[in-house]
Amino acid sequence: TATVAQNVLKGAMDAYRTQVFLQKN
């Protein structure tokens, strides 16, 4: 349970930060 929840959130937030980077550029 813990690993799954953490992996989902990590994947989501890393993807979000990538899109923020693209938006800034």
PDBML (XML) file of the C-alpha atoms, coordinates in Angstrom:
<?xml version="1.0" encoding="UTF-8" ?>
<PDBx:datablock datablockName="MODEL"
   xmlns:PDBx="http://pdbml.pdb.org/schema/pdbx-v50.xsd"
   xmlns:xsi="http://www.w3.org/2001/XMLSchema-instance"
   xsi:schemaLocation="http://pdbml.pdb.org/schema/pdbx-v50.xsd pdbx-v50.xsd">
   <PDBx:atom_siteCategory>
      <PDBx:atom_site id="1">
         <PDBx:B_iso_or_equiv>0.00</PDBx:B_iso_or_equiv>
         <PDBx:Cartn_x>0.000</PDBx:Cartn_x>
         <PDBx:Cartn_y>0.000</PDBx:Cartn_y>
         <PDBx:Cartn_z>0.000</PDBx:Cartn_z>
         <PDBx:auth_asym_id>A</PDBx:auth_asym_id>
         <PDBx:auth_atom_id>CA</PDBx:auth_atom_id>
         <PDBx:auth_comp_id>THR</PDBx:auth_comp_id>
         <PDBx:auth_seq_id>1</PDBx:auth_seq_id>
         <PDBx:group_PDB>ATOM</PDBx:group_PDB>
         <PDBx:label_alt_id xsi:nil="true" />
         <PDBx:label_asym_id>A</PDBx:label_asym_id>
         <PDBx:label_atom_id>CA</PDBx:label_atom_id>
         <PDBx:label_comp_id>THR</PDBx:label_comp_id>
         <PDBx:label_entity_id>1</PDBx:label_entity_id>
         <PDBx:label_seq_id>1</PDBx:label_seq_id>
         <PDBx:occupancy>1.00</PDBx:occupancy>
         <PDBx:pdbx_PDB_model_num>1</PDBx:pdbx_PDB_model_num>
         <PDBx:type_symbol>C</PDBx:type_symbol>
      </PDBx:atom_site>
      <PDBx:atom_site id="2">
         <PDBx:B_iso_or_equiv>0.00</PDBx:B_iso_or_equiv>
         <PDBx:Cartn_x>2.620</PDBx:Cartn_x>
         <PDBx:Cartn_y>2.560</PDBx:Cartn_y>
         <PDBx:Cartn_z>1.035</PDBx:Cartn_z>
         <PDBx:auth_asym_id>A</PDBx:auth_asym_id>
         <PDBx:auth_atom_id>CA</PDBx:auth_atom_id>
         <PDBx:auth_comp_id>ALA</PDBx:auth_comp_id>
         <PDBx:auth_seq_id>2</PDBx:auth_seq_id>
         <PDBx:group_PDB>ATOM</PDBx:group_PDB>
         <PDBx:label_alt_id xsi:nil="true" />
         <PDBx:label_asym_id>A</PDBx:label_asym_id>
         <PDBx:label_atom_id>CA</PDBx:label_atom_id>
         <PDBx:label_comp_id>ALA</PDBx:label_comp_id>
         <PDBx:label_entity_id>1</PDBx:label_entity_id>
         <PDBx:label_seq_id>2</PDBx:label_seq_id>
         <PDBx:occupancy>1.00</PDBx:occupancy>
         <PDBx:pdbx_PDB_model_num>1</PDBx:pdbx_PDB_model_num>
         <PDBx:type_symbol>C</PDBx:type_symbol>
      </PDBx:atom_site>
      <PDBx:atom_site id="3">
         <PDBx:B_iso_or_equiv>0.00</PDBx:B_iso_or_equiv>
         <PDBx:Cartn_x>4.881</PDBx:Cartn_x>
         <PDBx:Cartn_y>1.984</PDBx:Cartn_y>
         <PDBx:Cartn_z>-1.971</PDBx:Cartn_z>
         <PDBx:auth_asym_id>A</PDBx:auth_asym_id>
         <PDBx:auth_atom_id>CA</PDBx:auth_atom_id>
         <PDBx:auth_comp_id>THR</PDBx:auth_comp_id>
         <PDBx:auth_seq_id>3</PDBx:auth_seq_id>
         <PDBx:group_PDB>ATOM</PDBx:group_PDB>
         <PDBx:label_alt_id xsi:nil="true" />
         <PDBx:label_asym_id>A</PDBx:label_asym_id>
         <PDBx:label_atom_id>CA</PDBx:label_atom_id>
         <PDBx:label_comp_id>THR</PDBx:label_comp_id>
         <PDBx:label_entity_id>1</PDBx:label_entity_id>
         <PDBx:label_seq_id>3</PDBx:label_seq_id>
         <PDBx:occupancy>1.00</PDBx:occupancy>
         <PDBx:pdbx_PDB_model_num>1</PDBx:pdbx_PDB_model_num>
         <PDBx:type_symbol>C</PDBx:type_symbol>
      </PDBx:atom_site>
      <PDBx:atom_site id="4">
         <PDBx:B_iso_or_equiv>0.00</PDBx:B_iso_or_equiv>
         <PDBx:Cartn_x>2.005</PDBx:Cartn_x>
         <PDBx:Cartn_y>2.178</PDBx:Cartn_y>
         <PDBx:Cartn_z>-4.436</PDBx:Cartn_z>
         <PDBx:auth_asym_id>A</PDBx:auth_asym_id>
         <PDBx:auth_atom_id>CA</PDBx:auth_atom_id>
         <PDBx:auth_comp_id>VAL</PDBx:auth_comp_id>
         <PDBx:auth_seq_id>4</PDBx:auth_seq_id>
         <PDBx:group_PDB>ATOM</PDBx:group_PDB>
         <PDBx:label_alt_id xsi:nil="true" />
         <PDBx:label_asym_id>A</PDBx:label_asym_id>
         <PDBx:label_atom_id>CA</PDBx:label_atom_id>
         <PDBx:label_comp_id>VAL</PDBx:label_comp_id>
         <PDBx:label_entity_id>1</PDBx:label_entity_id>
         <PDBx:label_seq_id>4</PDBx:label_seq_id>
         <PDBx:occupancy>1.00</PDBx:occupancy>
         <PDBx:pdbx_PDB_model_num>1</PDBx:pdbx_PDB_model_num>
         <PDBx:type_symbol>C</PDBx:type_symbol>
      </PDBx:atom_site>
      <PDBx:atom_site id="5">
         <PDBx:B_iso_or_equiv>0.00</PDBx:B_iso_or_equiv>
         <PDBx:Cartn_x>0.700</PDBx:Cartn_x>
         <PDBx:Cartn_y>5.444</PDBx:Cartn_y>
         <PDBx:Cartn_z>-2.982</PDBx:Cartn_z>
         <PDBx:auth_asym_id>A</PDBx:auth_asym_id>
         <PDBx:auth_atom_id>CA</PDBx:auth_atom_id>
         <PDBx:auth_comp_id>ALA</PDBx:auth_comp_id>
         <PDBx:auth_seq_id>5</PDBx:auth_seq_id>
         <PDBx:group_PDB>ATOM</PDBx:group_PDB>
         <PDBx:label_alt_id xsi:nil="true" />
         <PDBx:label_asym_id>A</PDBx:label_asym_id>
         <PDBx:label_atom_id>CA</PDBx:label_atom_id>
         <PDBx:label_comp_id>ALA</PDBx:label_comp_id>
         <PDBx:label_entity_id>1</PDBx:label_entity_id>
         <PDBx:label_seq_id>5</PDBx:label_seq_id>
         <PDBx:occupancy>1.00</PDBx:occupancy>
         <PDBx:pdbx_PDB_model_num>1</PDBx:pdbx_PDB_model_num>
         <PDBx:type_symbol>C</PDBx:type_symbol>
      </PDBx:atom_site>
      <PDBx:atom_site id="6">
         <PDBx:B_iso_or_equiv>0.00</PDBx:B_iso_or_equiv>
         <PDBx:Cartn_x>4.187</PDBx:Cartn_x>
         <PDBx:Cartn_y>6.949</PDBx:Cartn_y>
         <PDBx:Cartn_z>-2.959</PDBx:Cartn_z>
         <PDBx:auth_asym_id>A</PDBx:auth_asym_id>
         <PDBx:auth_atom_id>CA</PDBx:auth_atom_id>
         <PDBx:auth_comp_id>GLN</PDBx:auth_comp_id>
         <PDBx:auth_seq_id>6</PDBx:auth_seq_id>
         <PDBx:group_PDB>ATOM</PDBx:group_PDB>
         <PDBx:label_alt_id xsi:nil="true" />
         <PDBx:label_asym_id>A</PDBx:label_asym_id>
         <PDBx:label_atom_id>CA</PDBx:label_atom_id>
         <PDBx:label_comp_id>GLN</PDBx:label_comp_id>
         <PDBx:label_entity_id>1</PDBx:label_entity_id>
         <PDBx:label_seq_id>6</PDBx:label_seq_id>
         <PDBx:occupancy>1.00</PDBx:occupancy>
         <PDBx:pdbx_PDB_model_num>1</PDBx:pdbx_PDB_model_num>
         <PDBx:type_symbol>C</PDBx:type_symbol>
      </PDBx:atom_site>
      <PDBx:atom_site id="7">
         <PDBx:B_iso_or_equiv>0.00</PDBx:B_iso_or_equiv>
         <PDBx:Cartn_x>4.956</PDBx:Cartn_x>
         <PDBx:Cartn_y>5.886</PDBx:Cartn_y>
         <PDBx:Cartn_z>-6.524</PDBx:Cartn_z>
         <PDBx:auth_asym_id>A</PDBx:auth_asym_id>
         <PDBx:auth_atom_id>CA</PDBx:auth_atom_id>
         <PDBx:auth_comp_id>ASN</PDBx:auth_comp_id>
         <PDBx:auth_seq_id>7</PDBx:auth_seq_id>
         <PDBx:group_PDB>ATOM</PDBx:group_PDB>
         <PDBx:label_alt_id xsi:nil="true" />
         <PDBx:label_asym_id>A</PDBx:label_asym_id>
         <PDBx:label_atom_id>CA</PDBx:label_atom_id>
         <PDBx:label_comp_id>ASN</PDBx:label_comp_id>
         <PDBx:label_entity_id>1</PDBx:label_entity_id>
         <PDBx:label_seq_id>7</PDBx:label_seq_id>
         <PDBx:occupancy>1.00</PDBx:occupancy>
         <PDBx:pdbx_PDB_model_num>1</PDBx:pdbx_PDB_model_num>
         <PDBx:type_symbol>C</PDBx:type_symbol>
      </PDBx:atom_site>
      <PDBx:atom_site id="8">
         <PDBx:B_iso_or_equiv>0.00</PDBx:B_iso_or_equiv>
         <PDBx:Cartn_x>1.695</PDBx:Cartn_x>
         <PDBx:Cartn_y>7.328</PDBx:Cartn_y>
         <PDBx:Cartn_z>-7.842</PDBx:Cartn_z>
         <PDBx:auth_asym_id>A</PDBx:auth_asym_id>
         <PDBx:auth_atom_id>CA</PDBx:auth_atom_id>
         <PDBx:auth_comp_id>VAL</PDBx:auth_comp_id>
         <PDBx:auth_seq_id>8</PDBx:auth_seq_id>
         <PDBx:group_PDB>ATOM</PDBx:group_PDB>
         <PDBx:label_alt_id xsi:nil="true" />
         <PDBx:label_asym_id>A</PDBx:label_asym_id>
         <PDBx:label_atom_id>CA</PDBx:label_atom_id>
         <PDBx:label_comp_id>VAL</PDBx:label_comp_id>
         <PDBx:label_entity_id>1</PDBx:label_entity_id>
         <PDBx:label_seq_id>8</PDBx:label_seq_id>
         <PDBx:occupancy>1.00</PDBx:occupancy>
         <PDBx:pdbx_PDB_model_num>1</PDBx:pdbx_PDB_model_num>
         <PDBx:type_symbol>C</PDBx:type_symbol>
      </PDBx:atom_site>
      <PDBx:atom_site id="9">
         <PDBx:B_iso_or_equiv>0.00</PDBx:B_iso_or_equiv>
         <PDBx:Cartn_x>2.342</PDBx:Cartn_x>
         <PDBx:Cartn_y>10.684</PDBx:Cartn_y>
         <PDBx:Cartn_z>-6.182</PDBx:Cartn_z>
         <PDBx:auth_asym_id>A</PDBx:auth_asym_id>
         <PDBx:auth_atom_id>CA</PDBx:auth_atom_id>
         <PDBx:auth_comp_id>LEU</PDBx:auth_comp_id>
         <PDBx:auth_seq_id>9</PDBx:auth_seq_id>
         <PDBx:group_PDB>ATOM</PDBx:group_PDB>
         <PDBx:label_alt_id xsi:nil="true" />
         <PDBx:label_asym_id>A</PDBx:label_asym_id>
         <PDBx:label_atom_id>CA</PDBx:label_atom_id>
         <PDBx:label_comp_id>LEU</PDBx:label_comp_id>
         <PDBx:label_entity_id>1</PDBx:label_entity_id>
         <PDBx:label_seq_id>9</PDBx:label_seq_id>
         <PDBx:occupancy>1.00</PDBx:occupancy>
         <PDBx:pdbx_PDB_model_num>1</PDBx:pdbx_PDB_model_num>
         <PDBx:type_symbol>C</PDBx:type_symbol>
      </PDBx:atom_site>
      <PDBx:atom_site id="10">
         <PDBx:B_iso_or_equiv>0.00</PDBx:B_iso_or_equiv>
         <PDBx:Cartn_x>6.004</PDBx:Cartn_x>
         <PDBx:Cartn_y>10.783</PDBx:Cartn_y>
         <PDBx:Cartn_z>-7.229</PDBx:Cartn_z>
         <PDBx:auth_asym_id>A</PDBx:auth_asym_id>
         <PDBx:auth_atom_id>CA</PDBx:auth_atom_id>
         <PDBx:auth_comp_id>LYS</PDBx:auth_comp_id>
         <PDBx:auth_seq_id>10</PDBx:auth_seq_id>
         <PDBx:group_PDB>ATOM</PDBx:group_PDB>
         <PDBx:label_alt_id xsi:nil="true" />
         <PDBx:label_asym_id>A</PDBx:label_asym_id>
         <PDBx:label_atom_id>CA</PDBx:label_atom_id>
         <PDBx:label_comp_id>LYS</PDBx:label_comp_id>
         <PDBx:label_entity_id>1</PDBx:label_entity_id>
         <PDBx:label_seq_id>10</PDBx:label_seq_id>
         <PDBx:occupancy>1.00</PDBx:occupancy>
         <PDBx:pdbx_PDB_model_num>1</PDBx:pdbx_PDB_model_num>
         <PDBx:type_symbol>C</PDBx:type_symbol>
      </PDBx:atom_site>
      <PDBx:atom_site id="11">
         <PDBx:B_iso_or_equiv>0.00</PDBx:B_iso_or_equiv>
         <PDBx:Cartn_x>5.110</PDBx:Cartn_x>
         <PDBx:Cartn_y>10.040</PDBx:Cartn_y>
         <PDBx:Cartn_z>-10.839</PDBx:Cartn_z>
         <PDBx:auth_asym_id>A</PDBx:auth_asym_id>
         <PDBx:auth_atom_id>CA</PDBx:auth_atom_id>
         <PDBx:auth_comp_id>GLY</PDBx:auth_comp_id>
         <PDBx:auth_seq_id>11</PDBx:auth_seq_id>
         <PDBx:group_PDB>ATOM</PDBx:group_PDB>
         <PDBx:label_alt_id xsi:nil="true" />
         <PDBx:label_asym_id>A</PDBx:label_asym_id>
         <PDBx:label_atom_id>CA</PDBx:label_atom_id>
         <PDBx:label_comp_id>GLY</PDBx:label_comp_id>
         <PDBx:label_entity_id>1</PDBx:label_entity_id>
         <PDBx:label_seq_id>11</PDBx:label_seq_id>
         <PDBx:occupancy>1.00</PDBx:occupancy>
         <PDBx:pdbx_PDB_model_num>1</PDBx:pdbx_PDB_model_num>
         <PDBx:type_symbol>C</PDBx:type_symbol>
      </PDBx:atom_site>
      <PDBx:atom_site id="12">
         <PDBx:B_iso_or_equiv>0.00</PDBx:B_iso_or_equiv>
         <PDBx:Cartn_x>2.378</PDBx:Cartn_x>
         <PDBx:Cartn_y>12.668</PDBx:Cartn_y>
         <PDBx:Cartn_z>-10.810</PDBx:Cartn_z>
         <PDBx:auth_asym_id>A</PDBx:auth_asym_id>
         <PDBx:auth_atom_id>CA</PDBx:auth_atom_id>
         <PDBx:auth_comp_id>ALA</PDBx:auth_comp_id>
         <PDBx:auth_seq_id>12</PDBx:auth_seq_id>
         <PDBx:group_PDB>ATOM</PDBx:group_PDB>
         <PDBx:label_alt_id xsi:nil="true" />
         <PDBx:label_asym_id>A</PDBx:label_asym_id>
         <PDBx:label_atom_id>CA</PDBx:label_atom_id>
         <PDBx:label_comp_id>ALA</PDBx:label_comp_id>
         <PDBx:label_entity_id>1</PDBx:label_entity_id>
         <PDBx:label_seq_id>12</PDBx:label_seq_id>
         <PDBx:occupancy>1.00</PDBx:occupancy>
         <PDBx:pdbx_PDB_model_num>1</PDBx:pdbx_PDB_model_num>
         <PDBx:type_symbol>C</PDBx:type_symbol>
      </PDBx:atom_site>
      <PDBx:atom_site id="13">
         <PDBx:B_iso_or_equiv>0.00</PDBx:B_iso_or_equiv>
         <PDBx:Cartn_x>4.539</PDBx:Cartn_x>
         <PDBx:Cartn_y>15.396</PDBx:Cartn_y>
         <PDBx:Cartn_z>-9.300</PDBx:Cartn_z>
         <PDBx:auth_asym_id>A</PDBx:auth_asym_id>
         <PDBx:auth_atom_id>CA</PDBx:auth_atom_id>
         <PDBx:auth_comp_id>MET</PDBx:auth_comp_id>
         <PDBx:auth_seq_id>13</PDBx:auth_seq_id>
         <PDBx:group_PDB>ATOM</PDBx:group_PDB>
         <PDBx:label_alt_id xsi:nil="true" />
         <PDBx:label_asym_id>A</PDBx:label_asym_id>
         <PDBx:label_atom_id>CA</PDBx:label_atom_id>
         <PDBx:label_comp_id>MET</PDBx:label_comp_id>
         <PDBx:label_entity_id>1</PDBx:label_entity_id>
         <PDBx:label_seq_id>13</PDBx:label_seq_id>
         <PDBx:occupancy>1.00</PDBx:occupancy>
         <PDBx:pdbx_PDB_model_num>1</PDBx:pdbx_PDB_model_num>
         <PDBx:type_symbol>C</PDBx:type_symbol>
      </PDBx:atom_site>
      <PDBx:atom_site id="14">
         <PDBx:B_iso_or_equiv>0.00</PDBx:B_iso_or_equiv>
         <PDBx:Cartn_x>7.562</PDBx:Cartn_x>
         <PDBx:Cartn_y>14.706</PDBx:Cartn_y>
         <PDBx:Cartn_z>-11.484</PDBx:Cartn_z>
         <PDBx:auth_asym_id>A</PDBx:auth_asym_id>
         <PDBx:auth_atom_id>CA</PDBx:auth_atom_id>
         <PDBx:auth_comp_id>ASP</PDBx:auth_comp_id>
         <PDBx:auth_seq_id>14</PDBx:auth_seq_id>
         <PDBx:group_PDB>ATOM</PDBx:group_PDB>
         <PDBx:label_alt_id xsi:nil="true" />
         <PDBx:label_asym_id>A</PDBx:label_asym_id>
         <PDBx:label_atom_id>CA</PDBx:label_atom_id>
         <PDBx:label_comp_id>ASP</PDBx:label_comp_id>
         <PDBx:label_entity_id>1</PDBx:label_entity_id>
         <PDBx:label_seq_id>14</PDBx:label_seq_id>
         <PDBx:occupancy>1.00</PDBx:occupancy>
         <PDBx:pdbx_PDB_model_num>1</PDBx:pdbx_PDB_model_num>
         <PDBx:type_symbol>C</PDBx:type_symbol>
      </PDBx:atom_site>
      <PDBx:atom_site id="15">
         <PDBx:B_iso_or_equiv>0.00</PDBx:B_iso_or_equiv>
         <PDBx:Cartn_x>5.298</PDBx:Cartn_x>
         <PDBx:Cartn_y>14.914</PDBx:Cartn_y>
         <PDBx:Cartn_z>-14.534</PDBx:Cartn_z>
         <PDBx:auth_asym_id>A</PDBx:auth_asym_id>
         <PDBx:auth_atom_id>CA</PDBx:auth_atom_id>
         <PDBx:auth_comp_id>ALA</PDBx:auth_comp_id>
         <PDBx:auth_seq_id>15</PDBx:auth_seq_id>
         <PDBx:group_PDB>ATOM</PDBx:group_PDB>
         <PDBx:label_alt_id xsi:nil="true" />
         <PDBx:label_asym_id>A</PDBx:label_asym_id>
         <PDBx:label_atom_id>CA</PDBx:label_atom_id>
         <PDBx:label_comp_id>ALA</PDBx:label_comp_id>
         <PDBx:label_entity_id>1</PDBx:label_entity_id>
         <PDBx:label_seq_id>15</PDBx:label_seq_id>
         <PDBx:occupancy>1.00</PDBx:occupancy>
         <PDBx:pdbx_PDB_model_num>1</PDBx:pdbx_PDB_model_num>
         <PDBx:type_symbol>C</PDBx:type_symbol>
      </PDBx:atom_site>
      <PDBx:atom_site id="16">
         <PDBx:B_iso_or_equiv>0.00</PDBx:B_iso_or_equiv>
         <PDBx:Cartn_x>3.837</PDBx:Cartn_x>
         <PDBx:Cartn_y>18.180</PDBx:Cartn_y>
         <PDBx:Cartn_z>-13.225</PDBx:Cartn_z>
         <PDBx:auth_asym_id>A</PDBx:auth_asym_id>
         <PDBx:auth_atom_id>CA</PDBx:auth_atom_id>
         <PDBx:auth_comp_id>TYR</PDBx:auth_comp_id>
         <PDBx:auth_seq_id>16</PDBx:auth_seq_id>
         <PDBx:group_PDB>ATOM</PDBx:group_PDB>
         <PDBx:label_alt_id xsi:nil="true" />
         <PDBx:label_asym_id>A</PDBx:label_asym_id>
         <PDBx:label_atom_id>CA</PDBx:label_atom_id>
         <PDBx:label_comp_id>TYR</PDBx:label_comp_id>
         <PDBx:label_entity_id>1</PDBx:label_entity_id>
         <PDBx:label_seq_id>16</PDBx:label_seq_id>
         <PDBx:occupancy>1.00</PDBx:occupancy>
         <PDBx:pdbx_PDB_model_num>1</PDBx:pdbx_PDB_model_num>
         <PDBx:type_symbol>C</PDBx:type_symbol>
      </PDBx:atom_site>
      <PDBx:atom_site id="17">
         <PDBx:B_iso_or_equiv>0.00</PDBx:B_iso_or_equiv>
         <PDBx:Cartn_x>7.266</PDBx:Cartn_x>
         <PDBx:Cartn_y>19.701</PDBx:Cartn_y>
         <PDBx:Cartn_z>-12.726</PDBx:Cartn_z>
         <PDBx:auth_asym_id>A</PDBx:auth_asym_id>
         <PDBx:auth_atom_id>CA</PDBx:auth_atom_id>
         <PDBx:auth_comp_id>ARG</PDBx:auth_comp_id>
         <PDBx:auth_seq_id>17</PDBx:auth_seq_id>
         <PDBx:group_PDB>ATOM</PDBx:group_PDB>
         <PDBx:label_alt_id xsi:nil="true" />
         <PDBx:label_asym_id>A</PDBx:label_asym_id>
         <PDBx:label_atom_id>CA</PDBx:label_atom_id>
         <PDBx:label_comp_id>ARG</PDBx:label_comp_id>
         <PDBx:label_entity_id>1</PDBx:label_entity_id>
         <PDBx:label_seq_id>17</PDBx:label_seq_id>
         <PDBx:occupancy>1.00</PDBx:occupancy>
         <PDBx:pdbx_PDB_model_num>1</PDBx:pdbx_PDB_model_num>
         <PDBx:type_symbol>C</PDBx:type_symbol>
      </PDBx:atom_site>
      <PDBx:atom_site id="18">
         <PDBx:B_iso_or_equiv>0.00</PDBx:B_iso_or_equiv>
         <PDBx:Cartn_x>8.250</PDBx:Cartn_x>
         <PDBx:Cartn_y>18.726</PDBx:Cartn_y>
         <PDBx:Cartn_z>-16.254</PDBx:Cartn_z>
         <PDBx:auth_asym_id>A</PDBx:auth_asym_id>
         <PDBx:auth_atom_id>CA</PDBx:auth_atom_id>
         <PDBx:auth_comp_id>THR</PDBx:auth_comp_id>
         <PDBx:auth_seq_id>18</PDBx:auth_seq_id>
         <PDBx:group_PDB>ATOM</PDBx:group_PDB>
         <PDBx:label_alt_id xsi:nil="true" />
         <PDBx:label_asym_id>A</PDBx:label_asym_id>
         <PDBx:label_atom_id>CA</PDBx:label_atom_id>
         <PDBx:label_comp_id>THR</PDBx:label_comp_id>
         <PDBx:label_entity_id>1</PDBx:label_entity_id>
         <PDBx:label_seq_id>18</PDBx:label_seq_id>
         <PDBx:occupancy>1.00</PDBx:occupancy>
         <PDBx:pdbx_PDB_model_num>1</PDBx:pdbx_PDB_model_num>
         <PDBx:type_symbol>C</PDBx:type_symbol>
      </PDBx:atom_site>
      <PDBx:atom_site id="19">
         <PDBx:B_iso_or_equiv>0.00</PDBx:B_iso_or_equiv>
         <PDBx:Cartn_x>5.199</PDBx:Cartn_x>
         <PDBx:Cartn_y>20.514</PDBx:Cartn_y>
         <PDBx:Cartn_z>-17.641</PDBx:Cartn_z>
         <PDBx:auth_asym_id>A</PDBx:auth_asym_id>
         <PDBx:auth_atom_id>CA</PDBx:auth_atom_id>
         <PDBx:auth_comp_id>GLN</PDBx:auth_comp_id>
         <PDBx:auth_seq_id>19</PDBx:auth_seq_id>
         <PDBx:group_PDB>ATOM</PDBx:group_PDB>
         <PDBx:label_alt_id xsi:nil="true" />
         <PDBx:label_asym_id>A</PDBx:label_asym_id>
         <PDBx:label_atom_id>CA</PDBx:label_atom_id>
         <PDBx:label_comp_id>GLN</PDBx:label_comp_id>
         <PDBx:label_entity_id>1</PDBx:label_entity_id>
         <PDBx:label_seq_id>19</PDBx:label_seq_id>
         <PDBx:occupancy>1.00</PDBx:occupancy>
         <PDBx:pdbx_PDB_model_num>1</PDBx:pdbx_PDB_model_num>
         <PDBx:type_symbol>C</PDBx:type_symbol>
      </PDBx:atom_site>
      <PDBx:atom_site id="20">
         <PDBx:B_iso_or_equiv>0.00</PDBx:B_iso_or_equiv>
         <PDBx:Cartn_x>5.959</PDBx:Cartn_x>
         <PDBx:Cartn_y>23.567</PDBx:Cartn_y>
         <PDBx:Cartn_z>-15.492</PDBx:Cartn_z>
         <PDBx:auth_asym_id>A</PDBx:auth_asym_id>
         <PDBx:auth_atom_id>CA</PDBx:auth_atom_id>
         <PDBx:auth_comp_id>VAL</PDBx:auth_comp_id>
         <PDBx:auth_seq_id>20</PDBx:auth_seq_id>
         <PDBx:group_PDB>ATOM</PDBx:group_PDB>
         <PDBx:label_alt_id xsi:nil="true" />
         <PDBx:label_asym_id>A</PDBx:label_asym_id>
         <PDBx:label_atom_id>CA</PDBx:label_atom_id>
         <PDBx:label_comp_id>VAL</PDBx:label_comp_id>
         <PDBx:label_entity_id>1</PDBx:label_entity_id>
         <PDBx:label_seq_id>20</PDBx:label_seq_id>
         <PDBx:occupancy>1.00</PDBx:occupancy>
         <PDBx:pdbx_PDB_model_num>1</PDBx:pdbx_PDB_model_num>
         <PDBx:type_symbol>C</PDBx:type_symbol>
      </PDBx:atom_site>
      <PDBx:atom_site id="21">
         <PDBx:B_iso_or_equiv>0.00</PDBx:B_iso_or_equiv>
         <PDBx:Cartn_x>9.467</PDBx:Cartn_x>
         <PDBx:Cartn_y>23.594</PDBx:Cartn_y>
         <PDBx:Cartn_z>-16.949</PDBx:Cartn_z>
         <PDBx:auth_asym_id>A</PDBx:auth_asym_id>
         <PDBx:auth_atom_id>CA</PDBx:auth_atom_id>
         <PDBx:auth_comp_id>PHE</PDBx:auth_comp_id>
         <PDBx:auth_seq_id>21</PDBx:auth_seq_id>
         <PDBx:group_PDB>ATOM</PDBx:group_PDB>
         <PDBx:label_alt_id xsi:nil="true" />
         <PDBx:label_asym_id>A</PDBx:label_asym_id>
         <PDBx:label_atom_id>CA</PDBx:label_atom_id>
         <PDBx:label_comp_id>PHE</PDBx:label_comp_id>
         <PDBx:label_entity_id>1</PDBx:label_entity_id>
         <PDBx:label_seq_id>21</PDBx:label_seq_id>
         <PDBx:occupancy>1.00</PDBx:occupancy>
         <PDBx:pdbx_PDB_model_num>1</PDBx:pdbx_PDB_model_num>
         <PDBx:type_symbol>C</PDBx:type_symbol>
      </PDBx:atom_site>
      <PDBx:atom_site id="22">
         <PDBx:B_iso_or_equiv>0.00</PDBx:B_iso_or_equiv>
         <PDBx:Cartn_x>8.054</PDBx:Cartn_x>
         <PDBx:Cartn_y>23.464</PDBx:Cartn_y>
         <PDBx:Cartn_z>-20.477</PDBx:Cartn_z>
         <PDBx:auth_asym_id>A</PDBx:auth_asym_id>
         <PDBx:auth_atom_id>CA</PDBx:auth_atom_id>
         <PDBx:auth_comp_id>LEU</PDBx:auth_comp_id>
         <PDBx:auth_seq_id>22</PDBx:auth_seq_id>
         <PDBx:group_PDB>ATOM</PDBx:group_PDB>
         <PDBx:label_alt_id xsi:nil="true" />
         <PDBx:label_asym_id>A</PDBx:label_asym_id>
         <PDBx:label_atom_id>CA</PDBx:label_atom_id>
         <PDBx:label_comp_id>LEU</PDBx:label_comp_id>
         <PDBx:label_entity_id>1</PDBx:label_entity_id>
         <PDBx:label_seq_id>22</PDBx:label_seq_id>
         <PDBx:occupancy>1.00</PDBx:occupancy>
         <PDBx:pdbx_PDB_model_num>1</PDBx:pdbx_PDB_model_num>
         <PDBx:type_symbol>C</PDBx:type_symbol>
      </PDBx:atom_site>
      <PDBx:atom_site id="23">
         <PDBx:B_iso_or_equiv>0.00</PDBx:B_iso_or_equiv>
         <PDBx:Cartn_x>5.592</PDBx:Cartn_x>
         <PDBx:Cartn_y>26.231</PDBx:Cartn_y>
         <PDBx:Cartn_z>-19.693</PDBx:Cartn_z>
         <PDBx:auth_asym_id>A</PDBx:auth_asym_id>
         <PDBx:auth_atom_id>CA</PDBx:auth_atom_id>
         <PDBx:auth_comp_id>GLN</PDBx:auth_comp_id>
         <PDBx:auth_seq_id>23</PDBx:auth_seq_id>
         <PDBx:group_PDB>ATOM</PDBx:group_PDB>
         <PDBx:label_alt_id xsi:nil="true" />
         <PDBx:label_asym_id>A</PDBx:label_asym_id>
         <PDBx:label_atom_id>CA</PDBx:label_atom_id>
         <PDBx:label_comp_id>GLN</PDBx:label_comp_id>
         <PDBx:label_entity_id>1</PDBx:label_entity_id>
         <PDBx:label_seq_id>23</PDBx:label_seq_id>
         <PDBx:occupancy>1.00</PDBx:occupancy>
         <PDBx:pdbx_PDB_model_num>1</PDBx:pdbx_PDB_model_num>
         <PDBx:type_symbol>C</PDBx:type_symbol>
      </PDBx:atom_site>
      <PDBx:atom_site id="24">
         <PDBx:B_iso_or_equiv>0.00</PDBx:B_iso_or_equiv>
         <PDBx:Cartn_x>8.359</PDBx:Cartn_x>
         <PDBx:Cartn_y>28.480</PDBx:Cartn_y>
         <PDBx:Cartn_z>-18.411</PDBx:Cartn_z>
         <PDBx:auth_asym_id>A</PDBx:auth_asym_id>
         <PDBx:auth_atom_id>CA</PDBx:auth_atom_id>
         <PDBx:auth_comp_id>LYS</PDBx:auth_comp_id>
         <PDBx:auth_seq_id>24</PDBx:auth_seq_id>
         <PDBx:group_PDB>ATOM</PDBx:group_PDB>
         <PDBx:label_alt_id xsi:nil="true" />
         <PDBx:label_asym_id>A</PDBx:label_asym_id>
         <PDBx:label_atom_id>CA</PDBx:label_atom_id>
         <PDBx:label_comp_id>LYS</PDBx:label_comp_id>
         <PDBx:label_entity_id>1</PDBx:label_entity_id>
         <PDBx:label_seq_id>24</PDBx:label_seq_id>
         <PDBx:occupancy>1.00</PDBx:occupancy>
         <PDBx:pdbx_PDB_model_num>1</PDBx:pdbx_PDB_model_num>
         <PDBx:type_symbol>C</PDBx:type_symbol>
      </PDBx:atom_site>
      <PDBx:atom_site id="25">
         <PDBx:B_iso_or_equiv>0.00</PDBx:B_iso_or_equiv>
         <PDBx:Cartn_x>10.130</PDBx:Cartn_x>
         <PDBx:Cartn_y>27.916</PDBx:Cartn_y>
         <PDBx:Cartn_z>-21.728</PDBx:Cartn_z>
         <PDBx:auth_asym_id>A</PDBx:auth_asym_id>
         <PDBx:auth_atom_id>CA</PDBx:auth_atom_id>
         <PDBx:auth_comp_id>ASN</PDBx:auth_comp_id>
         <PDBx:auth_seq_id>25</PDBx:auth_seq_id>
         <PDBx:group_PDB>ATOM</PDBx:group_PDB>
         <PDBx:label_alt_id xsi:nil="true" />
         <PDBx:label_asym_id>A</PDBx:label_asym_id>
         <PDBx:label_atom_id>CA</PDBx:label_atom_id>
         <PDBx:label_comp_id>ASN</PDBx:label_comp_id>
         <PDBx:label_entity_id>1</PDBx:label_entity_id>
         <PDBx:label_seq_id>25</PDBx:label_seq_id>
         <PDBx:occupancy>1.00</PDBx:occupancy>
         <PDBx:pdbx_PDB_model_num>1</PDBx:pdbx_PDB_model_num>
         <PDBx:type_symbol>C</PDBx:type_symbol>
      </PDBx:atom_site>
   </PDBx:atom_siteCategory>
</PDBx:datablock>
